[in-house]
PDB file of N, CA and C in Angstrom:
ATOM      1  N   MET A   1       0.840  -1.180   0.000  1.00  0.00           N
ATOM      2  CA  MET A   1       0.000   0.000   0.000  1.00  0.00           C
ATOM      3  C   MET A   1       0.885   1.243   0.000  1.00  0.00           C
ATOM      4  N   ASN A   2       0.623   2.164  -0.921  1.00  0.00           N
ATOM      5  CA  ASN A   2       1.398   3.396  -1.017  1.00  0.00           C
ATOM      6  C   ASN A   2       0.892   4.426  -0.019  1.00  0.00           C
ATOM      7  N   SER A   3       1.816   5.171   0.543  1.00  0.00           N
ATOM      8  CA  SER A   3       1.440   6.222   1.484  1.00  0.00           C
ATOM      9  C   SER A   3       0.918   7.443   0.725  1.00  0.00           C
ATOM     10  N   ILE A   4       0.252   8.301   1.450  1.00  0.00           N
ATOM     11  CA  ILE A   4      -0.241   9.541   0.852  1.00  0.00           C
ATOM     12  C   ILE A   4       0.926  10.376   0.362  1.00  0.00           C
ATOM     13  N   ALA A   5       2.018  10.427   1.154  1.00  0.00           N
ATOM     14  CA  ALA A   5       3.199  11.199   0.757  1.00  0.00           C
ATOM     15  C   ALA A   5       3.769  10.672  -0.559  1.00  0.00           C
ATOM     16  N   TYR A   6       3.822   9.343  -0.706  1.00  0.00           N
ATOM     17  CA  TYR A   6       4.332   8.748  -1.948  1.00  0.00           C
ATOM     18  C   TYR A   6       3.449   9.156  -3.121  1.00  0.00           C
ATOM     19  N   GLU A   7       2.150   9.060  -2.936  1.00  0.00           N
ATOM     20  CA  GLU A   7       1.221   9.390  -4.014  1.00  0.00           C
ATOM     21  C   GLU A   7       1.310  10.861  -4.402  1.00  0.00           C
ATOM     22  N   THR A   8       1.427  11.751  -3.427  1.00  0.00           N
ATOM     23  CA  THR A   8       1.519  13.179  -3.758  1.00  0.00           C
ATOM     24  C   THR A   8       2.846  13.498  -4.432  1.00  0.00           C
ATOM     25  N   ARG A   9       3.933  12.818  -4.037  1.00  0.00           N
ATOM     26  CA  ARG A   9       5.224  13.002  -4.719  1.00  0.00           C
ATOM     27  C   ARG A   9       5.121  12.556  -6.168  1.00  0.00           C
ATOM     28  N   GLN A  10       4.472  11.425  -6.407  1.00  0.00           N
ATOM     29  CA  GLN A  10       4.306  10.914  -7.767  1.00  0.00           C
ATOM     30  C   GLN A  10       3.476  11.873  -8.608  1.00  0.00           C
ATOM     31  N   MET A  11       2.424  12.431  -8.031  1.00  0.00           N
ATOM     32  CA  MET A  11       1.584  13.375  -8.761  1.00  0.00           C
ATOM     33  C   MET A  11       2.389  14.628  -9.112  1.00  0.00           C
ATOM     34  N   SER A  12       3.200  15.099  -8.183  1.00  0.00           N
ATOM     35  CA  SER A  12       4.036  16.275  -8.454  1.00  0.00           C
ATOM     36  C   SER A  12       5.049  15.977  -9.538  1.00  0.00           C
ATOM     37  N   PHE A  13       5.651  14.798  -9.477  1.00  0.00           N
ATOM     38  CA  PHE A  13       6.638  14.407 -10.477  1.00  0.00           C
ATOM     39  C   PHE A  13       5.998  14.342 -11.860  1.00  0.00           C
ATOM     40  N   GLU A  14       4.825  13.753 -11.958  1.00  0.00           N
ATOM     41  CA  GLU A  14       4.125  13.665 -13.243  1.00  0.00           C
ATOM     42  C   GLU A  14       3.779  15.057 -13.768  1.00  0.00           C
ATOM     43  N   ASP A  15       3.476  15.985 -12.857  1.00  0.00           N
ATOM     44  CA  ASP A  15       3.135  17.347 -13.247  1.00  0.00           C
ATOM     45  C   ASP A  15       4.325  18.088 -13.857  1.00  0.00           C
ATOM     46  N   ILE A  16       5.547  17.830 -13.343  1.00  0.00           N
ATOM     47  CA  ILE A  16       6.708  18.574 -13.848  1.00  0.00           C
ATOM     48  C   ILE A  16       7.349  17.936 -15.077  1.00  0.00           C
ATOM     49  N   LYS A  17       7.033  16.696 -15.374  1.00  0.00           N
ATOM     50  CA  LYS A  17       7.672  16.015 -16.513  1.00  0.00           C
ATOM     51  C   LYS A  17       7.663  16.842 -17.801  1.00  0.00           C
ATOM     52  N   PRO A  18       6.518  17.367 -18.239  1.00  0.00           N
ATOM     53  CA  PRO A  18       6.523  18.118 -19.500  1.00  0.00           C
ATOM     54  C   PRO A  18       7.312  19.424 -19.423  1.00  0.00           C
ATOM     55  N   LYS A  19       7.534  19.939 -18.221  1.00  0.00           N
ATOM     56  CA  LYS A  19       8.223  21.215 -18.042  1.00  0.00           C
ATOM     57  C   LYS A  19       9.744  21.060 -17.963  1.00  0.00           C
ATOM     58  N   ARG A  20      10.216  19.826 -17.773  1.00  0.00           N
ATOM     59  CA  ARG A  20      11.643  19.620 -17.565  1.00  0.00           C
ATOM     60  C   ARG A  20      12.479  20.018 -18.768  1.00  0.00           C
ATOM     61  N   LEU A  21      12.072  19.675 -19.965  1.00  0.00           N
ATOM     62  CA  LEU A  21      12.856  20.008 -21.154  1.00  0.00           C
ATOM     63  C   LEU A  21      13.016  21.523 -21.280  1.00  0.00           C
ATOM     64  N   THR A  22      11.939  22.249 -21.049  1.00  0.00           N
ATOM     65  CA  THR A  22      12.005  23.712 -21.090  1.00  0.00           C
ATOM     66  C   THR A  22      12.995  24.220 -20.053  1.00  0.00           C
ATOM     67  N   ARG A  23      12.934  23.678 -18.851  1.00  0.00           N
ATOM     68  CA  ARG A  23      13.844  24.115 -17.793  1.00  0.00           C
ATOM     69  C   ARG A  23      15.295  23.765 -18.142  1.00  0.00           C
ATOM     70  N   TYR A  24      15.523  22.586 -18.703  1.00  0.00           N
ATOM     71  CA  TYR A  24      16.882  22.219 -19.126  1.00  0.00           C
ATOM     72  C   TYR A  24      17.431  23.253 -20.104  1.00  0.00           C
ATOM     73  N   MET A  25      16.612  23.609 -21.089  1.00  0.00           N
ATOM     74  CA  MET A  25      17.057  24.560 -22.107  1.00  0.00           C
ATOM     75  C   MET A  25      17.361  25.923 -21.490  1.00  0.00           C
ATOM     76  N   GLN A  26      16.519  26.350 -20.558  1.00  0.00           N
ATOM     77  CA  GLN A  26      16.760  27.622 -19.881  1.00  0.00           C
ATOM     78  C   GLN A  26      18.091  27.597 -19.128  1.00  0.00           C
ATOM     79  N   LEU A  27      18.323  26.541 -18.374  1.00  0.00           N
ATOM     80  CA  LEU A  27      19.538  26.454 -17.568  1.00  0.00           C
ATOM     81  C   LEU A  27      20.785  26.407 -18.437  1.00  0.00           C
ATOM     82  N   LEU A  28      20.727  25.641 -19.520  1.00  0.00           N
ATOM     83  CA  LEU A  28      21.883  25.556 -20.420  1.00  0.00           C
ATOM     84  C   LEU A  28      22.145  26.890 -21.108  1.00  0.00           C
ATOM     85  N   GLU A  29      21.076  27.593 -21.470  1.00  0.00           N
ATOM     86  CA  GLU A  29      21.236  28.901 -22.105  1.00  0.00           C
ATOM     87  C   GLU A  29      21.857  29.911 -21.134  1.00  0.00           C
ATOM     88  N   ILE A  30      21.379  29.910 -19.901  1.00  0.00           N
ATOM     89  CA  ILE A  30      21.917  30.821 -18.888  1.00  0.00           C
ATOM     90  C   ILE A  30      23.387  30.528 -18.628  1.00  0.00           C
ATOM     91  N   LEU A  31      23.721  29.272 -18.515  1.00  0.00           N
ATOM     92  CA  LEU A  31      25.099  28.884 -18.202  1.00  0.00           C
ATOM     93  C   LEU A  31      26.053  29.226 -19.339  1.00  0.00           C
ATOM     94  N   GLY A  32      25.610  28.993 -20.562  1.00  0.00           N
ATOM     95  CA  GLY A  32      26.456  29.305 -21.716  1.00  0.00           C
ATOM     96  C   GLY A  32      27.842  28.715 -21.559  1.00  0.00           C
ATOM     97  N   ASN A  33      28.870  29.539 -21.674  1.00  0.00           N
ATOM     98  CA  ASN A  33      30.259  29.092 -21.511  1.00  0.00           C
ATOM     99  C   ASN A  33      30.843  29.528 -20.171  1.00  0.00           C
ATOM    100  N   LYS A  34      29.963  29.855 -19.230  1.00  0.00           N
ATOM    101  CA  LYS A  34      30.420  30.331 -17.925  1.00  0.00           C
ATOM    102  C   LYS A  34      30.434  29.199 -16.904  1.00  0.00           C
ATOM    103  N   GLU A  35      31.035  29.474 -15.766  1.00  0.00           N
ATOM    104  CA  GLU A  35      31.000  28.585 -14.611  1.00  0.00           C
ATOM    105  C   GLU A  35      30.182  29.287 -13.540  1.00  0.00           C
ATOM    106  N   MET A  36      29.118  28.611 -13.065  1.00  0.00           N
ATOM    107  CA  MET A  36      28.196  29.243 -12.125  1.00  0.00           C
ATOM    108  C   MET A  36      27.679  28.246 -11.107  1.00  0.00           C
ATOM    109  N   THR A  37      27.245  28.767  -9.958  1.00  0.00           N
ATOM    110  CA  THR A  37      26.594  27.948  -8.943  1.00  0.00           C
ATOM    111  C   THR A  37      25.105  27.860  -9.251  1.00  0.00           C
ATOM    112  N   ALA A  38      24.417  26.953  -8.573  1.00  0.00           N
ATOM    113  CA  ALA A  38      22.969  26.814  -8.744  1.00  0.00           C
ATOM    114  C   ALA A  38      22.257  28.115  -8.395  1.00  0.00           C
ATOM    115  N   ARG A  39      22.677  28.784  -7.325  1.00  0.00           N
ATOM    116  CA  ARG A  39      22.027  30.034  -6.919  1.00  0.00           C
ATOM    117  C   ARG A  39      22.250  31.130  -7.963  1.00  0.00           C
ATOM    118  N   GLU A  40      23.441  31.205  -8.522  1.00  0.00           N
ATOM    119  CA  GLU A  40      23.713  32.205  -9.552  1.00  0.00           C
ATOM    120  C   GLU A  40      22.842  31.956 -10.784  1.00  0.00           C
ATOM    121  N   ILE A  41      22.706  30.688 -11.148  1.00  0.00           N
ATOM    122  CA  ILE A  41      21.864  30.331 -12.295  1.00  0.00           C
ATOM    123  C   ILE A  41      20.406  30.671 -12.009  1.00  0.00           C
ATOM    124  N   GLU A  42      19.919  30.300 -10.820  1.00  0.00           N
ATOM    125  CA  GLU A  42      18.518  30.549 -10.471  1.00  0.00           C
ATOM    126  C   GLU A  42      18.228  32.048 -10.368  1.00  0.00           C
ATOM    127  N   THR A  43      19.183  32.829  -9.909  1.00  0.00           N
ATOM    128  CA  THR A  43      18.986  34.278  -9.825  1.00  0.00           C
ATOM    129  C   THR A  43      18.719  34.852 -11.213  1.00  0.00           C
ATOM    130  N   ILE A  44      19.499  34.433 -12.192  1.00  0.00           N
ATOM    131  CA  ILE A  44      19.293  34.906 -13.563  1.00  0.00           C
ATOM    132  C   ILE A  44      17.991  34.349 -14.132  1.00  0.00           C
ATOM    133  N   ARG A  45      17.717  33.068 -13.883  1.00  0.00           N
ATOM    134  CA  ARG A  45      16.496  32.441 -14.403  1.00  0.00           C
ATOM    135  C   ARG A  45      15.256  33.154 -13.876  1.00  0.00           C
ATOM    136  N   SER A  46      15.263  33.494 -12.585  1.00  0.00           N
ATOM    137  CA  SER A  46      14.077  34.122 -11.995  1.00  0.00           C
ATOM    138  C   SER A  46      13.864  35.554 -12.501  1.00  0.00           C
ATOM    139  N   ARG A  47      14.921  36.187 -12.986  1.00  0.00           N
ATOM    140  CA  ARG A  47      14.788  37.535 -13.550  1.00  0.00           C
ATOM    141  C   ARG A  47      14.427  37.505 -15.033  1.00  0.00           C
ATOM    142  N   THR A  48      14.743  36.394 -15.700  1.00  0.00           N
ATOM    143  CA  THR A  48      14.631  36.335 -17.154  1.00  0.00           C
ATOM    144  C   THR A  48      13.378  35.632 -17.654  1.00  0.00           C
ATOM    145  N   TYR A  49      13.014  34.532 -17.024  1.00  0.00           N
ATOM    146  CA  TYR A  49      11.927  33.700 -17.540  1.00  0.00           C
ATOM    147  C   TYR A  49      10.707  33.756 -16.635  1.00  0.00           C
ATOM    148  N   LEU A  50       9.563  33.434 -17.227  1.00  0.00           N
ATOM    149  CA  LEU A  50       8.332  33.319 -16.456  1.00  0.00           C
ATOM    150  C   LEU A  50       8.230  31.916 -15.892  1.00  0.00           C
ATOM    151  N   PRO A  51       7.645  31.664 -14.757  1.00  0.00           N
ATOM    152  CA  PRO A  51       7.189  32.658 -13.805  1.00  0.00           C
ATOM    153  C   PRO A  51       8.378  33.319 -13.120  1.00  0.00           C
ATOM    154  N   LYS A  52       8.254  34.566 -12.820  1.00  0.00           N
ATOM    155  CA  LYS A  52       9.349  35.347 -12.244  1.00  0.00           C
ATOM    156  C   LYS A  52       9.342  35.223 -10.723  1.00  0.00           C
ATOM    157  N   ARG A  53       9.724  34.068 -10.232  1.00  0.00           N
ATOM    158  CA  ARG A  53       9.865  33.873  -8.788  1.00  0.00           C
ATOM    159  C   ARG A  53      11.148  33.091  -8.550  1.00  0.00           C
ATOM    160  N   PHE A  54      11.779  33.348  -7.435  1.00  0.00           N
ATOM    161  CA  PHE A  54      13.020  32.689  -7.086  1.00  0.00           C
ATOM    162  C   PHE A  54      12.683  31.365  -6.410  1.00  0.00           C
ATOM    163  N   ASP A  55      13.125  30.251  -6.992  1.00  0.00           N
ATOM    164  CA  ASP A  55      12.823  28.941  -6.419  1.00  0.00           C
ATOM    165  C   ASP A  55      13.968  27.981  -6.734  1.00  0.00           C
ATOM    166  N   MET A  56      14.814  27.749  -5.740  1.00  0.00           N
ATOM    167  CA  MET A  56      15.952  26.846  -5.929  1.00  0.00           C
ATOM    168  C   MET A  56      15.488  25.420  -6.242  1.00  0.00           C
ATOM    169  N   ASN A  57      14.285  25.058  -5.802  1.00  0.00           N
ATOM    170  CA  ASN A  57      13.774  23.717  -6.076  1.00  0.00           C
ATOM    171  C   ASN A  57      13.419  23.518  -7.541  1.00  0.00           C
ATOM    172  N   CYS A  58      13.373  24.591  -8.303  1.00  0.00           N
ATOM    173  CA  CYS A  58      13.164  24.481  -9.747  1.00  0.00           C
ATOM    174  C   CYS A  58      14.495  24.267 -10.470  1.00  0.00           C
ATOM    175  N   THR A  59      15.578  24.597  -9.814  1.00  0.00           N
ATOM    176  CA  THR A  59      16.889  24.567 -10.470  1.00  0.00           C
ATOM    177  C   THR A  59      17.748  23.381 -10.048  1.00  0.00           C
ATOM    178  N   ARG A  60      17.910  23.177  -8.766  1.00  0.00           N
ATOM    179  CA  ARG A  60      18.844  22.144  -8.290  1.00  0.00           C
ATOM    180  C   ARG A  60      18.557  20.750  -8.847  1.00  0.00           C
ATOM    181  N   PRO A  61      17.313  20.271  -8.802  1.00  0.00           N
ATOM    182  CA  PRO A  61      17.068  18.925  -9.339  1.00  0.00           C
ATOM    183  C   PRO A  61      17.385  18.817 -10.834  1.00  0.00           C
ATOM    184  N   ARG A  62      17.078  19.875 -11.586  1.00  0.00           N
ATOM    185  CA  ARG A  62      17.363  19.848 -13.029  1.00  0.00           C
ATOM    186  C   ARG A  62      18.868  19.853 -13.277  1.00  0.00           C
ATOM    187  N   LEU A  63      19.638  20.581 -12.470  1.00  0.00           N
ATOM    188  CA  LEU A  63      21.099  20.553 -12.613  1.00  0.00           C
ATOM    189  C   LEU A  63      21.633  19.153 -12.331  1.00  0.00           C
ATOM    190  N   THR A  64      21.117  18.524 -11.287  1.00  0.00           N
ATOM    191  CA  THR A  64      21.540  17.159 -10.952  1.00  0.00           C
ATOM    192  C   THR A  64      21.250  16.209 -12.105  1.00  0.00           C
ATOM    193  N   GLU A  65      20.076  16.333 -12.717  1.00  0.00           N
ATOM    194  CA  GLU A  65      19.739  15.487 -13.866  1.00  0.00           C
ATOM    195  C   GLU A  65      20.659  15.769 -15.046  1.00  0.00           C
ATOM    196  N   LEU A  66      20.958  17.041 -15.292  1.00  0.00           N
ATOM    197  CA  LEU A  66      21.852  17.391 -16.405  1.00  0.00           C
ATOM    198  C   LEU A  66      23.263  16.883 -16.172  1.00  0.00           C
ATOM    199  N   VAL A  67      23.672  16.735 -14.923  1.00  0.00           N
ATOM    200  CA  VAL A  67      24.995  16.181 -14.601  1.00  0.00           C
ATOM    201  C   VAL A  67      24.963  14.658 -14.691  1.00  0.00           C
ATOM    202  N   ASN A  68      24.050  14.035 -13.964  1.00  0.00           N
ATOM    203  CA  ASN A  68      24.077  12.575 -13.802  1.00  0.00           C
ATOM    204  C   ASN A  68      23.435  11.774 -14.924  1.00  0.00           C
ATOM    205  N   GLU A  69      22.362  12.268 -15.499  1.00  0.00           N
ATOM    206  CA  GLU A  69      21.636  11.506 -16.505  1.00  0.00           C
ATOM    207  C   GLU A  69      22.030  11.858 -17.935  1.00  0.00           C
ATOM    208  N   TYR A  70      22.201  13.146 -18.203  1.00  0.00           N
ATOM    209  CA  TYR A  70      22.414  13.592 -19.580  1.00  0.00           C
ATOM    210  C   TYR A  70      23.844  14.010 -19.880  1.00  0.00           C
ATOM    211  N   HIS A  71      24.664  14.150 -18.853  1.00  0.00           N
ATOM    212  CA  HIS A  71      26.080  14.528 -19.006  1.00  0.00           C
ATOM    213  C   HIS A  71      26.275  15.814 -19.791  1.00  0.00           C
ATOM    214  N   GLU A  72      25.327  16.734 -19.649  1.00  0.00           N
ATOM    215  CA  GLU A  72      25.436  18.035 -20.311  1.00  0.00           C
ATOM    216  C   GLU A  72      26.246  19.017 -19.471  1.00  0.00           C
ATOM    217  N   LEU A  73      26.268  18.779 -18.157  1.00  0.00           N
ATOM    218  CA  LEU A  73      27.005  19.637 -17.235  1.00  0.00           C
ATOM    219  C   LEU A  73      27.987  18.795 -16.438  1.00  0.00           C
ATOM    220  N   ILE A  74      28.974  19.492 -15.886  1.00  0.00           N
ATOM    221  CA  ILE A  74      29.939  18.843 -15.016  1.00  0.00           C
ATOM    222  C   ILE A  74      30.187  19.766 -13.830  1.00  0.00           C
ATOM    223  N   GLU A  75      30.377  19.186 -12.663  1.00  0.00           N
ATOM    224  CA  GLU A  75      30.746  19.972 -11.492  1.00  0.00           C
ATOM    225  C   GLU A  75      32.236  20.237 -11.608  1.00  0.00           C
ATOM    226  N   CYS A  76      32.606  21.504 -11.661  1.00  0.00           N
ATOM    227  CA  CYS A  76      33.992  21.848 -11.965  1.00  0.00           C
ATOM    228  C   CYS A  76      34.714  22.540 -10.822  1.00  0.00           C
ATOM    229  N   GLY A  77      34.055  22.691  -9.703  1.00  0.00           N
ATOM    230  CA  GLY A  77      34.719  23.343  -8.586  1.00  0.00           C
ATOM    231  C   GLY A  77      33.787  23.573  -7.427  1.00  0.00           C
ATOM    232  N   ILE A  78      34.321  24.275  -6.429  1.00  0.00           N
ATOM    233  CA  ILE A  78      33.577  24.597  -5.221  1.00  0.00           C
ATOM    234  C   ILE A  78      33.707  26.095  -4.983  1.00  0.00           C
ATOM    235  N   LYS A  79      32.611  26.689  -4.528  1.00  0.00           N
ATOM    236  CA  LYS A  79      32.596  28.121  -4.260  1.00  0.00           C
ATOM    237  C   LYS A  79      31.770  28.343  -2.995  1.00  0.00           C
ATOM    238  N   LYS A  80      32.086  29.366  -2.252  1.00  0.00           N
ATOM    239  CA  LYS A  80      31.312  29.692  -1.059  1.00  0.00           C
ATOM    240  C   LYS A  80      30.085  30.494  -1.475  1.00  0.00           C
ATOM    241  N   ASP A  81      28.909  30.000  -1.114  1.00  0.00           N
ATOM    242  CA  ASP A  81      27.658  30.689  -1.418  1.00  0.00           C
ATOM    243  C   ASP A  81      27.588  31.936  -0.549  1.00  0.00           C
ATOM    244  N   GLU A  82      27.398  33.077  -1.187  1.00  0.00           N
ATOM    245  CA  GLU A  82      27.387  34.352  -0.464  1.00  0.00           C
ATOM    246  C   GLU A  82      26.204  34.478   0.491  1.00  0.00           C
ATOM    247  N   GLU A  83      25.089  33.844   0.165  1.00  0.00           N
ATOM    248  CA  GLU A  83      23.907  33.971   1.011  1.00  0.00           C
ATOM    249  C   GLU A  83      23.961  33.047   2.221  1.00  0.00           C
ATOM    250  N   THR A  84      24.382  31.794   2.011  1.00  0.00           N
ATOM    251  CA  THR A  84      24.370  30.817   3.101  1.00  0.00           C
ATOM    252  C   THR A  84      25.723  30.652   3.781  1.00  0.00           C
ATOM    253  N   GLY A  85      26.795  31.045   3.105  1.00  0.00           N
ATOM    254  CA  GLY A  85      28.133  30.843   3.650  1.00  0.00           C
ATOM    255  C   GLY A  85      28.625  29.412   3.523  1.00  0.00           C
ATOM    256  N   LYS A  86      27.866  28.563   2.856  1.00  0.00           N
ATOM    257  CA  LYS A  86      28.226  27.148   2.677  1.00  0.00           C
ATOM    258  C   LYS A  86      28.981  26.950   1.369  1.00  0.00           C
ATOM    259  N   SER A  87      29.766  25.898   1.321  1.00  0.00           N
ATOM    260  CA  SER A  87      30.449  25.527   0.084  1.00  0.00           C
ATOM    261  C   SER A  87      29.450  24.852  -0.841  1.00  0.00           C
ATOM    262  N   VAL A  88      29.440  25.284  -2.101  1.00  0.00           N
ATOM    263  CA  VAL A  88      28.504  24.729  -3.083  1.00  0.00           C
ATOM    264  C   VAL A  88      29.256  24.386  -4.362  1.00  0.00           C
ATOM    265  N   ALA A  89      28.645  23.552  -5.184  1.00  0.00           N
ATOM    266  CA  ALA A  89      29.250  23.135  -6.447  1.00  0.00           C
ATOM    267  C   ALA A  89      29.143  24.247  -7.482  1.00  0.00           C
ATOM    268  N   VAL A  90      30.146  24.287  -8.339  1.00  0.00           N
ATOM    269  CA  VAL A  90      30.154  25.178  -9.495  1.00  0.00           C
ATOM    270  C   VAL A  90      29.979  24.295 -10.722  1.00  0.00           C
ATOM    271  N   TYR A  91      29.100  24.705 -11.635  1.00  0.00           N
ATOM    272  CA  TYR A  91      28.790  23.915 -12.829  1.00  0.00           C
ATOM    273  C   TYR A  91      29.295  24.603 -14.088  1.00  0.00           C
ATOM    274  N   ARG A  92      29.587  23.787 -15.092  1.00  0.00           N
ATOM    275  CA  ARG A  92      29.896  24.287 -16.427  1.00  0.00           C
ATOM    276  C   ARG A  92      29.419  23.244 -17.426  1.00  0.00           C
ATOM    277  N   ARG A  93      29.294  23.667 -18.691  1.00  0.00           N
ATOM    278  CA  ARG A  93      28.901  22.732 -19.758  1.00  0.00           C
ATOM    279  C   ARG A  93      30.046  21.761 -19.998  1.00  0.00           C
ATOM    280  N   THR A  94      29.721  20.538 -20.329  1.00  0.00           N
ATOM    281  CA  THR A  94      30.761  19.570 -20.669  1.00  0.00           C
ATOM    282  C   THR A  94      31.242  19.820 -22.093  1.00  0.00           C
ATOM    283  N   THR A  95      32.482  19.448 -22.332  1.00  0.00           N
ATOM    284  CA  THR A  95      32.995  19.494 -23.696  1.00  0.00           C
ATOM    285  C   THR A  95      32.484  18.248 -24.415  1.00  0.00           C
ATOM    286  N   GLU A  96      32.610  18.226 -25.719  1.00  0.00           N
ATOM    287  CA  GLU A  96      32.183  17.043 -26.485  1.00  0.00           C
ATOM    288  C   GLU A  96      32.969  15.807 -26.043  1.00  0.00           C
ATOM    289  N   GLN A  97      34.262  15.973 -25.796  1.00  0.00           N
ATOM    290  CA  GLN A  97      35.107  14.858 -25.354  1.00  0.00           C
ATOM    291  C   GLN A  97      34.652  14.328 -23.995  1.00  0.00           C
ATOM    292  N   GLU A  98      34.405  15.235 -23.045  1.00  0.00           N
ATOM    293  CA  GLU A  98      33.944  14.823 -21.714  1.00  0.00           C
ATOM    294  C   GLU A  98      32.597  14.119 -21.798  1.00  0.00           C
ATOM    295  N   LYS A  99      31.695  14.656 -22.614  1.00  0.00           N
ATOM    296  CA  LYS A  99      30.370  14.060 -22.756  1.00  0.00           C
ATOM    297  C   LYS A  99      30.472  12.649 -23.327  1.00  0.00           C
ATOM    298  N   MET A 100      31.311  12.466 -24.340  1.00  0.00           N
ATOM    299  CA  MET A 100      31.501  11.147 -24.924  1.00  0.00           C
ATOM    300  C   MET A 100      32.049  10.165 -23.880  1.00  0.00           C
ATOM    301  N   GLU A 101      33.030  10.600 -23.109  1.00  0.00           N
ATOM    302  CA  GLU A 101      33.614   9.737 -22.084  1.00  0.00           C
ATOM    303  C   GLU A 101      32.587   9.375 -21.018  1.00  0.00           C
ATOM    304  N   LEU A 102      31.807  10.353 -20.550  1.00  0.00           N
ATOM    305  CA  LEU A 102      30.794  10.092 -19.530  1.00  0.00           C
ATOM    306  C   LEU A 102      29.681   9.197 -20.057  1.00  0.00           C
ATOM    307  N   ASP A 103      29.277   9.410 -21.298  1.00  0.00           N
ATOM    308  CA  ASP A 103      28.233   8.569 -21.899  1.00  0.00           C
ATOM    309  C   ASP A 103      28.675   7.120 -22.023  1.00  0.00           C
ATOM    310  N   ASN A 104      29.970   6.911 -22.160  1.00  0.00           N
ATOM    311  CA  ASN A 104      30.479   5.558 -22.388  1.00  0.00           C
ATOM    312  C   ASN A 104      31.115   4.914 -21.163  1.00  0.00           C
ATOM    313  N   MET A 105      31.069   5.562 -20.015  1.00  0.00           N
ATOM    314  CA  MET A 105      31.705   5.020 -18.810  1.00  0.00           C
ATOM    315  C   MET A 105      31.178   3.639 -18.429  1.00  0.00           C
ATOM    316  N   ASN A 106      29.894   3.379 -18.644  1.00  0.00           N
ATOM    317  CA  ASN A 106      29.317   2.091 -18.266  1.00  0.00           C
ATOM    318  C   ASN A 106      29.751   0.973 -19.207  1.00  0.00           C
ATOM    319  N   HIS A 107      30.371   1.320 -20.323  1.00  0.00           N
ATOM    320  CA  HIS A 107      30.760   0.317 -21.304  1.00  0.00           C
ATOM    321  C   HIS A 107      32.230  -0.071 -21.199  1.00  0.00           C
ATOM    322  N   ILE A 108      32.949   0.562 -20.277  1.00  0.00           N
ATOM    323  CA  ILE A 108      34.372   0.284 -20.134  1.00  0.00           C
ATOM    324  C   ILE A 108      34.547  -0.868 -19.165  1.00  0.00           C
ATOM    325  N   PRO A 109      35.175  -1.952 -19.611  1.00  0.00           N
ATOM    326  CA  PRO A 109      35.386  -3.074 -18.683  1.00  0.00           C
ATOM    327  C   PRO A 109      36.474  -2.740 -17.672  1.00  0.00           C
ATOM    328  N   TYR A 110      36.316  -3.228 -16.462  1.00  0.00           N
ATOM    329  CA  TYR A 110      37.291  -3.013 -15.407  1.00  0.00           C
ATOM    330  C   TYR A 110      37.941  -4.338 -15.039  1.00  0.00           C
ATOM    331  N   LEU A 111      39.239  -4.303 -14.852  1.00  0.00           N
ATOM    332  CA  LEU A 111      39.971  -5.481 -14.401  1.00  0.00           C
ATOM    333  C   LEU A 111      40.162  -5.389 -12.896  1.00  0.00           C
ATOM    334  N   ASP A 112      39.807  -6.426 -12.199  1.00  0.00           N
ATOM    335  CA  ASP A 112      39.984  -6.421 -10.734  1.00  0.00           C
ATOM    336  C   ASP A 112      41.248  -7.128 -10.348  1.00  0.00           C
TER     337      ASP A 112
END
């Protein structure tokens, strides 16, 4: 039996599915050839695109997907977040070579 929390999470996930591609394109366009943190990206996104509200929950999960699933971004460093004072990841677009290597990592045999 699924819990109410599980069901509401699934409903929310299904609701955002069609919006993810648009968000990916926005984030990649904002990042361009720069290196930026999630907060820096979201600050620009919230000023540029509709809806015009600041929401890190709209950005962080999409960045994680672009890093782990699609290999479009790579974490390239650490920077201190000016608002929280915490260390955060810095992102940049992957090069074609890096993307090819990441896409093929599961196909490389390992010798133990």
